[in-house]
Amino acid sequence: MIRIAALLTILLTTSANSECWIVTNLHGYGAMNGDRYEFTKDSTEDSVFHVTINGDKSSVYESVSGVYPEMKYTALSSNTMVGEYQSGGGITVEPWSITTDKKALYSKVMNIPGMQQLTSTKSFVGDVVGTCNQ
């Protein structure tokens, strides 16, 4: 009986720590191999992201296109997660962090030896405009 109570406590605590935020208006800078790694302004103005931080069930959903990235995300805290995707000898890494002043911090690193022109780094700040209906 004690084990069941402990398991329920863990499950309820995990569910209570699950958060989902709606993020828009990502603006920042990026540098790509194809542009000799010169930083240029970049944005995803037309995108709306649902950022869910929930342990190994963390995810990002782009609601305008309906796309879930093939990336595996892992929560590092209640407001920060990191995603990684590997294919063909290349890797993409994406950290997301939600701040207390309703900002989303997002960056992306792609190192793709087989398509070197796509190797890049990007860093964005966006607006948290609400929470998701879960």
C-alpha atoms as a PDB file:
ATOM      1  CA  MET A   1       0.000   0.000   0.000  1.00  0.00           C
ATOM      2  CA  ILE A   2       2.859   2.362   0.818  1.00  0.00           C
ATOM      3  CA  ARG A   3       4.421   1.653  -2.589  1.00  0.00           C
ATOM      4  CA  ILE A   4       1.170   2.523  -4.370  1.00  0.00           C
ATOM      5  CA  ALA A   5       0.888   5.785  -2.432  1.00  0.00           C
ATOM      6  CA  ALA A   6       4.509   6.650  -3.247  1.00  0.00           C
ATOM      7  CA  LEU A   7       3.969   5.874  -6.943  1.00  0.00           C
ATOM      8  CA  LEU A   8       0.836   8.037  -7.075  1.00  0.00           C
ATOM      9  CA  THR A   9       2.704  10.900  -5.393  1.00  0.00           C
ATOM     10  CA  ILE A  10       5.488  10.691  -7.991  1.00  0.00           C
ATOM     11  CA  LEU A  11       3.023  10.555 -10.894  1.00  0.00           C
ATOM     12  CA  LEU A  12       0.988  13.483  -9.601  1.00  0.00           C
ATOM     13  CA  THR A  13       4.124  15.541  -8.975  1.00  0.00           C
ATOM     14  CA  THR A  14       5.370  14.827 -12.511  1.00  0.00           C
ATOM     15  CA  SER A  15       2.019  15.820 -14.030  1.00  0.00           C
ATOM     16  CA  ALA A  16       1.884  18.993 -11.961  1.00  0.00           C
ATOM     17  CA  ASN A  17       5.350  19.959 -13.231  1.00  0.00           C
ATOM     18  CA  SER A  18       4.307  19.623 -16.876  1.00  0.00           C
ATOM     19  CA  GLU A  19       4.097  23.020 -18.549  1.00  0.00           C
ATOM     20  CA  CYS A  20       3.177  24.116 -22.069  1.00  0.00           C
ATOM     21  CA  TRP A  21       3.718  27.633 -23.372  1.00  0.00           C
ATOM     22  CA  ILE A  22       2.708  29.325 -26.637  1.00  0.00           C
ATOM     23  CA  VAL A  23       5.705  31.125 -28.168  1.00  0.00           C
ATOM     24  CA  THR A  24       5.685  33.581 -31.090  1.00  0.00           C
ATOM     25  CA  ASN A  25       7.763  36.387 -32.548  1.00  0.00           C
ATOM     26  CA  LEU A  26      11.178  34.707 -32.362  1.00  0.00           C
ATOM     27  CA  HIS A  27      13.878  37.183 -33.426  1.00  0.00           C
ATOM     28  CA  GLY A  28      17.636  36.894 -33.299  1.00  0.00           C
ATOM     29  CA  TYR A  29      20.738  36.145 -35.290  1.00  0.00           C
ATOM     30  CA  GLY A  30      22.191  33.216 -37.155  1.00  0.00           C
ATOM     31  CA  ALA A  31      25.456  32.275 -38.832  1.00  0.00           C
ATOM     32  CA  MET A  32      25.755  29.602 -41.527  1.00  0.00           C
ATOM     33  CA  ASN A  33      28.717  27.923 -43.167  1.00  0.00           C
ATOM     34  CA  GLY A  34      27.261  28.863 -46.566  1.00  0.00           C
ATOM     35  CA  ASP A  35      27.515  32.546 -45.543  1.00  0.00           C
ATOM     36  CA  ARG A  36      31.036  32.190 -44.118  1.00  0.00           C
ATOM     37  CA  TYR A  37      29.584  32.239 -40.594  1.00  0.00           C
ATOM     38  CA  GLU A  38      28.687  35.924 -40.793  1.00  0.00           C
ATOM     39  CA  PHE A  39      25.911  36.709 -38.328  1.00  0.00           C
ATOM     40  CA  THR A  40      22.737  38.060 -39.897  1.00  0.00           C
ATOM     41  CA  LYS A  41      19.317  38.912 -38.494  1.00  0.00           C
ATOM     42  CA  ASP A  42      16.888  36.020 -38.500  1.00  0.00           C
ATOM     43  CA  SER A  43      13.327  35.439 -37.325  1.00  0.00           C
ATOM     44  CA  THR A  44      10.388  33.071 -37.367  1.00  0.00           C
ATOM     45  CA  GLU A  45       7.701  35.773 -37.213  1.00  0.00           C
ATOM     46  CA  ASP A  46       4.934  33.693 -38.757  1.00  0.00           C
ATOM     47  CA  SER A  47       5.463  30.635 -36.557  1.00  0.00           C
ATOM     48  CA  VAL A  48       3.569  29.722 -33.396  1.00  0.00           C
ATOM     49  CA  PHE A  49       5.270  27.131 -31.192  1.00  0.00           C
ATOM     50  CA  HIS A  50       3.752  25.060 -28.404  1.00  0.00           C
ATOM     51  CA  VAL A  51       6.689  24.314 -26.101  1.00  0.00           C
ATOM     52  CA  THR A  52       5.917  21.512 -23.642  1.00  0.00           C
ATOM     53  CA  ILE A  53       8.396  20.782 -20.867  1.00  0.00           C
ATOM     54  CA  ASN A  54       7.519  17.465 -19.255  1.00  0.00           C
ATOM     55  CA  GLY A  55      10.486  15.172 -18.560  1.00  0.00           C
ATOM     56  CA  ASP A  56      11.221  12.825 -21.443  1.00  0.00           C
ATOM     57  CA  LYS A  57       7.807  13.685 -22.961  1.00  0.00           C
ATOM     58  CA  SER A  58       8.934  17.252 -23.708  1.00  0.00           C
ATOM     59  CA  SER A  59       8.151  18.488 -27.210  1.00  0.00           C
ATOM     60  CA  VAL A  60       7.832  21.386 -29.620  1.00  0.00           C
ATOM     61  CA  TYR A  61       4.861  21.665 -31.968  1.00  0.00           C
ATOM     62  CA  GLU A  62       4.687  24.330 -34.689  1.00  0.00           C
ATOM     63  CA  SER A  63       0.941  24.982 -34.881  1.00  0.00           C
ATOM     64  CA  VAL A  64       0.824  26.933 -38.167  1.00  0.00           C
ATOM     65  CA  SER A  65       2.423  24.122 -40.199  1.00  0.00           C
ATOM     66  CA  GLY A  66       1.313  21.301 -37.886  1.00  0.00           C
ATOM     67  CA  VAL A  67       4.866  19.975 -37.707  1.00  0.00           C
ATOM     68  CA  TYR A  68       6.411  18.065 -34.810  1.00  0.00           C
ATOM     69  CA  PRO A  69      10.206  17.980 -35.271  1.00  0.00           C
ATOM     70  CA  GLU A  70      11.881  14.561 -35.298  1.00  0.00           C
ATOM     71  CA  MET A  71      13.912  15.788 -32.350  1.00  0.00           C
ATOM     72  CA  LYS A  72      13.972  14.068 -28.947  1.00  0.00           C
ATOM     73  CA  TYR A  73      13.605  16.620 -26.136  1.00  0.00           C
ATOM     74  CA  THR A  74      14.532  16.161 -22.490  1.00  0.00           C
ATOM     75  CA  ALA A  75      13.590  18.526 -19.653  1.00  0.00           C
ATOM     76  CA  LEU A  76      16.520  19.866 -17.655  1.00  0.00           C
ATOM     77  CA  SER A  77      14.291  21.808 -15.236  1.00  0.00           C
ATOM     78  CA  SER A  78      10.665  22.943 -15.020  1.00  0.00           C
ATOM     79  CA  ASN A  79      11.325  25.707 -17.566  1.00  0.00           C
ATOM     80  CA  THR A  80      14.265  24.472 -19.687  1.00  0.00           C
ATOM     81  CA  MET A  81      14.714  21.572 -22.100  1.00  0.00           C
ATOM     82  CA  VAL A  82      17.165  20.461 -24.750  1.00  0.00           C
ATOM     83  CA  GLY A  83      16.508  18.570 -27.956  1.00  0.00           C
ATOM     84  CA  GLU A  84      18.831  16.502 -30.107  1.00  0.00           C
ATOM     85  CA  TYR A  85      18.541  14.839 -33.480  1.00  0.00           C
ATOM     86  CA  GLN A  86      21.219  12.786 -35.238  1.00  0.00           C
ATOM     87  CA  SER A  87      21.192  11.563 -38.819  1.00  0.00           C
ATOM     88  CA  GLY A  88      23.783  10.691 -41.425  1.00  0.00           C
ATOM     89  CA  GLY A  89      26.721  11.671 -39.224  1.00  0.00           C
ATOM     90  CA  GLY A  90      25.250  15.093 -38.439  1.00  0.00           C
ATOM     91  CA  ILE A  91      23.682  16.450 -35.273  1.00  0.00           C
ATOM     92  CA  THR A  92      21.224  19.202 -34.395  1.00  0.00           C
ATOM     93  CA  VAL A  93      20.878  20.496 -30.822  1.00  0.00           C
ATOM     94  CA  GLU A  94      18.101  22.857 -29.619  1.00  0.00           C
ATOM     95  CA  PRO A  95      17.813  24.288 -26.106  1.00  0.00           C
ATOM     96  CA  TRP A  96      14.576  26.089 -25.116  1.00  0.00           C
ATOM     97  CA  SER A  97      14.153  28.061 -21.889  1.00  0.00           C
ATOM     98  CA  ILE A  98      11.105  29.987 -20.637  1.00  0.00           C
ATOM     99  CA  THR A  99      11.805  33.000 -18.409  1.00  0.00           C
ATOM    100  CA  THR A 100       9.702  34.492 -15.615  1.00  0.00           C
ATOM    101  CA  ASP A 101       9.276  37.709 -17.644  1.00  0.00           C
ATOM    102  CA  LYS A 102       7.402  35.816 -20.409  1.00  0.00           C
ATOM    103  CA  LYS A 103      10.259  35.417 -22.856  1.00  0.00           C
ATOM    104  CA  ALA A 104      11.407  32.282 -24.657  1.00  0.00           C
ATOM    105  CA  LEU A 105      15.123  31.751 -25.235  1.00  0.00           C
ATOM    106  CA  TYR A 106      15.829  29.400 -28.131  1.00  0.00           C
ATOM    107  CA  SER A 107      18.978  28.439 -29.950  1.00  0.00           C
ATOM    108  CA  LYS A 108      19.924  25.865 -32.540  1.00  0.00           C
ATOM    109  CA  VAL A 109      23.235  24.331 -33.569  1.00  0.00           C
ATOM    110  CA  MET A 110      23.477  22.164 -36.688  1.00  0.00           C
ATOM    111  CA  ASN A 111      26.744  20.387 -37.497  1.00  0.00           C
ATOM    112  CA  ILE A 112      26.237  18.421 -40.701  1.00  0.00           C
ATOM    113  CA  PRO A 113      29.547  17.260 -42.205  1.00  0.00           C
ATOM    114  CA  GLY A 114      27.817  15.724 -45.255  1.00  0.00           C
ATOM    115  CA  MET A 115      26.068  19.027 -46.074  1.00  0.00           C
ATOM    116  CA  GLN A 116      28.559  21.498 -44.666  1.00  0.00           C
ATOM    117  CA  GLN A 117      26.750  24.539 -46.123  1.00  0.00           C
ATOM    118  CA  LEU A 118      23.899  23.843 -43.643  1.00  0.00           C
ATOM    119  CA  THR A 119      26.193  23.788 -40.609  1.00  0.00           C
ATOM    120  CA  SER A 120      24.992  26.740 -38.547  1.00  0.00           C
ATOM    121  CA  THR A 121      24.172  28.354 -35.234  1.00  0.00           C
ATOM    122  CA  LYS A 122      21.144  30.510 -34.346  1.00  0.00           C
ATOM    123  CA  SER A 123      19.979  32.322 -31.239  1.00  0.00           C
ATOM    124  CA  PHE A 124      16.493  33.785 -30.719  1.00  0.00           C
ATOM    125  CA  VAL A 125      14.362  35.561 -28.116  1.00  0.00           C
ATOM    126  CA  GLY A 126      10.590  35.259 -28.455  1.00  0.00           C
ATOM    127  CA  ASP A 127       7.391  36.161 -26.647  1.00  0.00           C
ATOM    128  CA  VAL A 128       5.416  33.797 -24.435  1.00  0.00           C
ATOM    129  CA  VAL A 129       1.846  34.794 -25.297  1.00  0.00           C
ATOM    130  CA  GLY A 130      -0.009  32.204 -23.256  1.00  0.00           C
ATOM    131  CA  THR A 131      -0.209  28.632 -22.087  1.00  0.00           C
ATOM    132  CA  CYS A 132      -1.508  25.640 -24.027  1.00  0.00           C
ATOM    133  CA  ASN A 133      -4.774  23.863 -23.317  1.00  0.00           C
ATOM    134  CA  GLN A 134      -3.697  20.447 -22.115  1.00  0.00           C
END
